Protein backbone atom coordinates (compact mmCIF):
# COMPACT_ATOMS: atom_id res chain seq x y z
CA UNK A 1 11.98 -14.41 -2.94
CA UNK A 2 11.68 -13.02 0.04
CA UNK A 3 9.43 -10.41 -1.62
CA UNK A 4 6.82 -12.82 -2.96
CA UNK A 5 6.80 -14.54 0.44
CA UNK A 6 6.26 -10.91 2.21
CA UNK A 7 3.48 -10.09 -0.43
CA UNK A 8 2.01 -13.41 -0.05
CA UNK A 9 1.52 -12.11 3.76
CA UNK A 10 0.02 -8.88 2.68
CA UNK A 11 3.31 -6.92 3.43
CA UNK A 12 4.39 -4.33 0.55
CA UNK A 13 7.76 -3.54 0.53
CA UNK A 14 9.31 -0.22 -0.61
CA UNK A 15 12.62 0.41 -1.59
CA UNK A 16 13.92 3.99 -1.48
CA UNK A 17 17.86 4.78 -2.22
CA UNK A 18 19.38 6.71 0.20
CA UNK A 19 19.87 9.57 -2.51
CA UNK A 20 16.03 10.19 -2.44
CA UNK A 21 16.26 10.11 1.41
CA UNK A 22 18.62 12.76 1.70
CA UNK A 23 17.49 14.79 -1.47
CA UNK A 24 13.87 15.25 -0.39
CA UNK A 25 13.08 13.61 2.70
CA UNK A 26 9.59 15.35 2.94
CA UNK A 27 8.47 13.86 -0.54
CA UNK A 28 9.76 10.39 0.77
CA UNK A 29 7.58 10.54 3.70
CA UNK A 30 4.60 11.51 1.71
CA UNK A 31 5.27 8.67 -0.58
CA UNK A 32 5.26 6.12 2.52
CA UNK A 33 2.69 7.39 4.23
CA UNK A 34 0.58 7.62 0.66
CA UNK A 35 1.21 3.88 -0.18
CA UNK A 36 0.06 2.80 3.65
CA UNK A 37 -2.90 4.94 3.15
CA UNK A 38 -3.74 3.18 -0.24
CA UNK A 39 -3.15 6.24 -2.25
CA UNK A 40 -0.62 4.16 -4.33
CA UNK A 41 1.47 4.96 -6.88
CA UNK A 42 2.04 7.99 -4.66
CA UNK A 43 2.75 11.13 -7.10
CA UNK A 44 5.58 11.98 -4.75
CA UNK A 45 8.00 10.50 -7.44
CA UNK A 46 6.65 11.12 -10.42
CA UNK A 47 3.20 8.75 -10.44
CA UNK A 48 0.25 9.67 -12.06
CA UNK A 49 -1.83 12.77 -11.30
CA UNK A 50 -4.70 12.44 -8.86
CA UNK A 51 -8.02 12.13 -10.72
CA UNK A 52 -10.04 15.22 -11.47
CA UNK A 53 -11.18 17.20 -8.43
CA UNK A 54 -9.01 15.38 -5.80
CA UNK A 55 -6.18 17.80 -5.97
């Protein structure tokens, strides 16, 4: 319910486990920044590869 309320207001909720943050902080930051900049889904956590020519 809370996520739906936030989504209706344009807020995207990211759920990132502490284990992921402690295991690869840089990848987590890349994921968060990529999501905030509209590059979602980010490839930091196994998302699809970028389109050809956008590596």
